Amino acid sequence: MNWMFGHKRYPVKDLPKWLREYGGERTSYESFGGAPDWFWAAIDAIRAAPELAEAALNSLPRERLRQFYFAYRELTDELYGDYCDDERGWHEDDILTASSWVVNQGEPFYRAVYEDLRLYPDPSEVPPSDLSGLVAEVSRKRFGEELCG
């Protein structure tokens, strides 16, 4: 199985090494959390091969893992605030589930939802998929560092 970054295909088995070594930085869409290109590439790769998510995250140096965590949380929070109301009857956990799912679909879908909130999914229709918990667990196990916020 392969995953794409730009116009190049990479073998899934190379995800941890590529993610650890890739140093690309964000050059556009600064309003979307300022997430770096490597973050979105990692999201795309993890979506293509979710069974490698933990191995990929375990391959990251401490600072890159922290960057991934805070970029992920910032992106989910950008959507979350627009749905924190009693009108829809959604609970906070449901809203977080839907926001995480949107981020996990990749940058093009995230951008579309950000620009047109009518595309925001009903939380009851998406599976729980919050990667921030997995990132926090990896950080705790590898570095003894609690990530929260």
C-alpha atoms as a PDB file:
ATOM      1  CA  MET A   1       0.000   0.000   0.000  1.00  0.00           C
ATOM      2  CA  ASN A   2       1.190   3.542  -0.815  1.00  0.00           C
ATOM      3  CA  TRP A   3       0.279   7.022   0.342  1.00  0.00           C
ATOM      4  CA  MET A   4       0.706  10.316  -1.453  1.00  0.00           C
ATOM      5  CA  PHE A   5       2.494  13.519  -0.604  1.00  0.00           C
ATOM      6  CA  GLY A   6       2.386  16.078  -3.354  1.00  0.00           C
ATOM      7  CA  HIS A   7       2.654  14.077  -6.553  1.00  0.00           C
ATOM      8  CA  LYS A   8       4.937  11.382  -5.205  1.00  0.00           C
ATOM      9  CA  ARG A   9       3.916   7.975  -3.839  1.00  0.00           C
ATOM     10  CA  TYR A  10       5.594   6.563  -0.748  1.00  0.00           C
ATOM     11  CA  PRO A  11       5.392   3.013   0.577  1.00  0.00           C
ATOM     12  CA  VAL A  12       3.347   2.880   3.781  1.00  0.00           C
ATOM     13  CA  LYS A  13       6.206   1.101   5.545  1.00  0.00           C
ATOM     14  CA  ASP A  14       8.316   4.279   5.100  1.00  0.00           C
ATOM     15  CA  LEU A  15       5.840   6.536   6.952  1.00  0.00           C
ATOM     16  CA  PRO A  16       7.668   6.574  10.330  1.00  0.00           C
ATOM     17  CA  LYS A  17      11.031   7.384   8.742  1.00  0.00           C
ATOM     18  CA  TRP A  18       9.596  10.000   6.379  1.00  0.00           C
ATOM     19  CA  LEU A  19       7.591  11.694   9.115  1.00  0.00           C
ATOM     20  CA  ARG A  20      10.636  11.857  11.385  1.00  0.00           C
ATOM     21  CA  GLU A  21      12.888  13.324   8.691  1.00  0.00           C
ATOM     22  CA  TYR A  22      10.571  15.592   6.714  1.00  0.00           C
ATOM     23  CA  GLY A  23      11.286  19.221   7.461  1.00  0.00           C
ATOM     24  CA  GLY A  24       8.832  21.007   5.181  1.00  0.00           C
ATOM     25  CA  GLU A  25       7.072  24.050   6.528  1.00  0.00           C
ATOM     26  CA  ARG A  26       3.710  25.591   5.819  1.00  0.00           C
ATOM     27  CA  THR A  27       3.635  28.023   2.962  1.00  0.00           C
ATOM     28  CA  SER A  28      -0.105  28.618   2.553  1.00  0.00           C
ATOM     29  CA  TYR A  29      -3.433  28.462   4.384  1.00  0.00           C
ATOM     30  CA  GLU A  30      -1.933  30.178   7.430  1.00  0.00           C
ATOM     31  CA  SER A  31      -5.422  30.790   8.808  1.00  0.00           C
ATOM     32  CA  PHE A  32      -5.930  27.051   9.161  1.00  0.00           C
ATOM     33  CA  GLY A  33      -3.988  26.736  12.375  1.00  0.00           C
ATOM     34  CA  GLY A  34      -0.714  27.465  10.640  1.00  0.00           C
ATOM     35  CA  ALA A  35      -0.240  23.697  10.516  1.00  0.00           C
ATOM     36  CA  PRO A  36       2.964  22.739   8.708  1.00  0.00           C
ATOM     37  CA  ASP A  37       2.904  20.686   5.515  1.00  0.00           C
ATOM     38  CA  TRP A  38       4.394  17.689   7.340  1.00  0.00           C
ATOM     39  CA  PHE A  39       1.395  17.722   9.704  1.00  0.00           C
ATOM     40  CA  TRP A  40      -1.119  17.432   6.856  1.00  0.00           C
ATOM     41  CA  ALA A  41       1.047  14.829   5.119  1.00  0.00           C
ATOM     42  CA  ALA A  42       1.081  12.828   8.347  1.00  0.00           C
ATOM     43  CA  ILE A  43      -2.712  13.093   8.632  1.00  0.00           C
ATOM     44  CA  ASP A  44      -3.068  11.856   5.035  1.00  0.00           C
ATOM     45  CA  ALA A  45      -0.657   8.985   5.634  1.00  0.00           C
ATOM     46  CA  ILE A  46      -2.299   7.960   8.901  1.00  0.00           C
ATOM     47  CA  ARG A  47      -5.708   8.046   7.222  1.00  0.00           C
ATOM     48  CA  ALA A  48      -4.336   5.771   4.461  1.00  0.00           C
ATOM     49  CA  ALA A  49      -2.790   3.349   6.958  1.00  0.00           C
ATOM     50  CA  PRO A  50      -4.334   3.848  10.420  1.00  0.00           C
ATOM     51  CA  GLU A  51      -2.628   0.708  11.684  1.00  0.00           C
ATOM     52  CA  LEU A  52       0.695   2.575  11.422  1.00  0.00           C
ATOM     53  CA  ALA A  53      -0.407   5.659  13.373  1.00  0.00           C
ATOM     54  CA  GLU A  54       1.219   4.630  16.643  1.00  0.00           C
ATOM     55  CA  ALA A  55       4.460   3.516  14.965  1.00  0.00           C
ATOM     56  CA  ALA A  56       4.626   6.782  13.012  1.00  0.00           C
ATOM     57  CA  LEU A  57       4.028   8.879  16.118  1.00  0.00           C
ATOM     58  CA  ASN A  58       6.558   6.823  18.084  1.00  0.00           C
ATOM     59  CA  SER A  59       9.177   7.664  15.451  1.00  0.00           C
ATOM     60  CA  LEU A  60       8.885  11.404  16.045  1.00  0.00           C
ATOM     61  CA  PRO A  61      11.403  13.326  18.128  1.00  0.00           C
ATOM     62  CA  ARG A  62       9.953  14.930  21.260  1.00  0.00           C
ATOM     63  CA  GLU A  63       9.565  18.428  19.806  1.00  0.00           C
ATOM     64  CA  ARG A  64       7.959  17.213  16.567  1.00  0.00           C
ATOM     65  CA  LEU A  65       5.505  15.100  18.607  1.00  0.00           C
ATOM     66  CA  ARG A  66       4.595  18.175  20.665  1.00  0.00           C
ATOM     67  CA  GLN A  67       4.135  20.215  17.473  1.00  0.00           C
ATOM     68  CA  PHE A  68       1.834  17.561  16.041  1.00  0.00           C
ATOM     69  CA  TYR A  69      -0.231  17.476  19.230  1.00  0.00           C
ATOM     70  CA  PHE A  70      -0.705  21.233  19.486  1.00  0.00           C
ATOM     71  CA  ALA A  71      -1.399  21.672  15.753  1.00  0.00           C
ATOM     72  CA  TYR A  72      -4.030  18.928  15.965  1.00  0.00           C
ATOM     73  CA  ARG A  73      -5.670  20.469  19.014  1.00  0.00           C
ATOM     74  CA  GLU A  74      -5.631  23.954  17.492  1.00  0.00           C
ATOM     75  CA  LEU A  75      -7.295  22.743  14.318  1.00  0.00           C
ATOM     76  CA  THR A  76     -10.045  20.874  16.176  1.00  0.00           C
ATOM     77  CA  ASP A  77     -10.604  23.874  18.444  1.00  0.00           C
ATOM     78  CA  GLU A  78     -11.049  26.193  15.435  1.00  0.00           C
ATOM     79  CA  LEU A  79     -14.154  24.225  14.481  1.00  0.00           C
ATOM     80  CA  TYR A  80     -15.281  23.326  17.979  1.00  0.00           C
ATOM     81  CA  GLY A  81     -16.165  26.857  19.059  1.00  0.00           C
ATOM     82  CA  ASP A  82     -18.736  27.294  16.322  1.00  0.00           C
ATOM     83  CA  TYR A  83     -20.815  24.399  17.641  1.00  0.00           C
ATOM     84  CA  CYS A  84     -20.724  24.996  21.398  1.00  0.00           C
ATOM     85  CA  ASP A  85     -24.337  25.862  21.910  1.00  0.00           C
ATOM     86  CA  ASP A  86     -27.432  24.234  23.330  1.00  0.00           C
ATOM     87  CA  GLU A  87     -29.475  24.729  20.183  1.00  0.00           C
ATOM     88  CA  ARG A  88     -28.436  21.458  18.543  1.00  0.00           C
ATOM     89  CA  GLY A  89     -28.374  19.381  21.719  1.00  0.00           C
ATOM     90  CA  TRP A  90     -24.822  18.195  21.047  1.00  0.00           C
ATOM     91  CA  HIS A  91     -22.579  17.466  24.009  1.00  0.00           C
ATOM     92  CA  GLU A  92     -19.005  18.772  24.154  1.00  0.00           C
ATOM     93  CA  ASP A  93     -17.588  15.279  23.621  1.00  0.00           C
ATOM     94  CA  ASP A  94     -19.760  14.854  20.525  1.00  0.00           C
ATOM     95  CA  ILE A  95     -18.516  18.134  19.086  1.00  0.00           C
ATOM     96  CA  LEU A  96     -14.904  17.135  19.738  1.00  0.00           C
ATOM     97  CA  THR A  97     -15.540  13.791  18.009  1.00  0.00           C
ATOM     98  CA  ALA A  98     -16.894  15.517  14.903  1.00  0.00           C
ATOM     99  CA  SER A  99     -14.141  18.171  14.851  1.00  0.00           C
ATOM    100  CA  SER A 100     -11.432  15.500  15.183  1.00  0.00           C
ATOM    101  CA  TRP A 101     -13.006  13.512  12.380  1.00  0.00           C
ATOM    102  CA  VAL A 102     -12.930  16.595  10.128  1.00  0.00           C
ATOM    103  CA  VAL A 103      -9.206  17.145  10.807  1.00  0.00           C
ATOM    104  CA  ASN A 104      -8.532  13.461  10.134  1.00  0.00           C
ATOM    105  CA  GLN A 105     -10.040  13.771   6.654  1.00  0.00           C
ATOM    106  CA  GLY A 106      -7.122  15.966   5.568  1.00  0.00           C
ATOM    107  CA  GLU A 107      -6.489  19.572   4.682  1.00  0.00           C
ATOM    108  CA  PRO A 108      -8.807  19.930   1.643  1.00  0.00           C
ATOM    109  CA  PHE A 109     -11.835  18.677   3.588  1.00  0.00           C
ATOM    110  CA  TYR A 110     -10.871  20.634   6.703  1.00  0.00           C
ATOM    111  CA  ARG A 111     -10.562  23.794   4.624  1.00  0.00           C
ATOM    112  CA  ALA A 112     -13.951  23.174   2.980  1.00  0.00           C
ATOM    113  CA  VAL A 113     -15.657  22.739   6.368  1.00  0.00           C
ATOM    114  CA  TYR A 114     -13.849  25.757   7.806  1.00  0.00           C
ATOM    115  CA  GLU A 115     -15.106  27.886   4.936  1.00  0.00           C
ATOM    116  CA  ASP A 116     -18.642  26.434   4.928  1.00  0.00           C
ATOM    117  CA  LEU A 117     -19.755  25.206   8.341  1.00  0.00           C
ATOM    118  CA  ARG A 118     -22.857  23.643   6.810  1.00  0.00           C
ATOM    119  CA  LEU A 119     -20.496  20.778   5.869  1.00  0.00           C
ATOM    120  CA  TYR A 120     -19.789  20.097   9.554  1.00  0.00           C
ATOM    121  CA  PRO A 121     -20.912  16.521  10.229  1.00  0.00           C
ATOM    122  CA  ASP A 122     -23.511  15.447  12.727  1.00  0.00           C
ATOM    123  CA  PRO A 123     -21.437  13.968  15.582  1.00  0.00           C
ATOM    124  CA  SER A 124     -23.706  10.911  15.742  1.00  0.00           C
ATOM    125  CA  GLU A 125     -22.725  10.020  12.172  1.00  0.00           C
ATOM    126  CA  VAL A 126     -18.929   9.917  12.552  1.00  0.00           C
ATOM    127  CA  PRO A 127     -16.756   7.442  14.462  1.00  0.00           C
ATOM    128  CA  PRO A 128     -14.584   8.580  17.383  1.00  0.00           C
ATOM    129  CA  SER A 129     -11.137   9.281  15.939  1.00  0.00           C
ATOM    130  CA  ASP A 130      -9.321  11.787  18.151  1.00  0.00           C
ATOM    131  CA  LEU A 131      -5.588  11.404  17.492  1.00  0.00           C
ATOM    132  CA  SER A 132      -4.615  13.808  20.285  1.00  0.00           C
ATOM    133  CA  GLY A 133      -5.200  11.059  22.856  1.00  0.00           C
ATOM    134  CA  LEU A 134      -2.851   8.699  21.011  1.00  0.00           C
ATOM    135  CA  VAL A 135      -0.213  11.436  20.689  1.00  0.00           C
ATOM    136  CA  ALA A 136      -0.499  12.215  24.407  1.00  0.00           C
ATOM    137  CA  GLU A 137      -0.120   8.526  25.251  1.00  0.00           C
ATOM    138  CA  VAL A 138       2.996   8.213  23.083  1.00  0.00           C
ATOM    139  CA  SER A 139       4.476  11.307  24.755  1.00  0.00           C
ATOM    140  CA  ARG A 140       3.710   9.971  28.214  1.00  0.00           C
ATOM    141  CA  LYS A 141       5.245   6.544  27.482  1.00  0.00           C
ATOM    142  CA  ARG A 142       8.338   7.745  25.603  1.00  0.00           C
ATOM    143  CA  PHE A 143       9.198  10.973  27.363  1.00  0.00           C
ATOM    144  CA  GLY A 144       7.218  10.974  30.604  1.00  0.00           C
ATOM    145  CA  GLU A 145       5.656  14.229  29.420  1.00  0.00           C
ATOM    146  CA  GLU A 146       1.960  14.964  29.772  1.00  0.00           C
ATOM    147  CA  LEU A 147       0.517  16.833  26.823  1.00  0.00           C
ATOM    148  CA  CYS A 148      -2.712  18.666  27.435  1.00  0.00           C
ATOM    149  CA  GLY A 149      -4.413  21.820  26.363  1.00  0.00           C
END
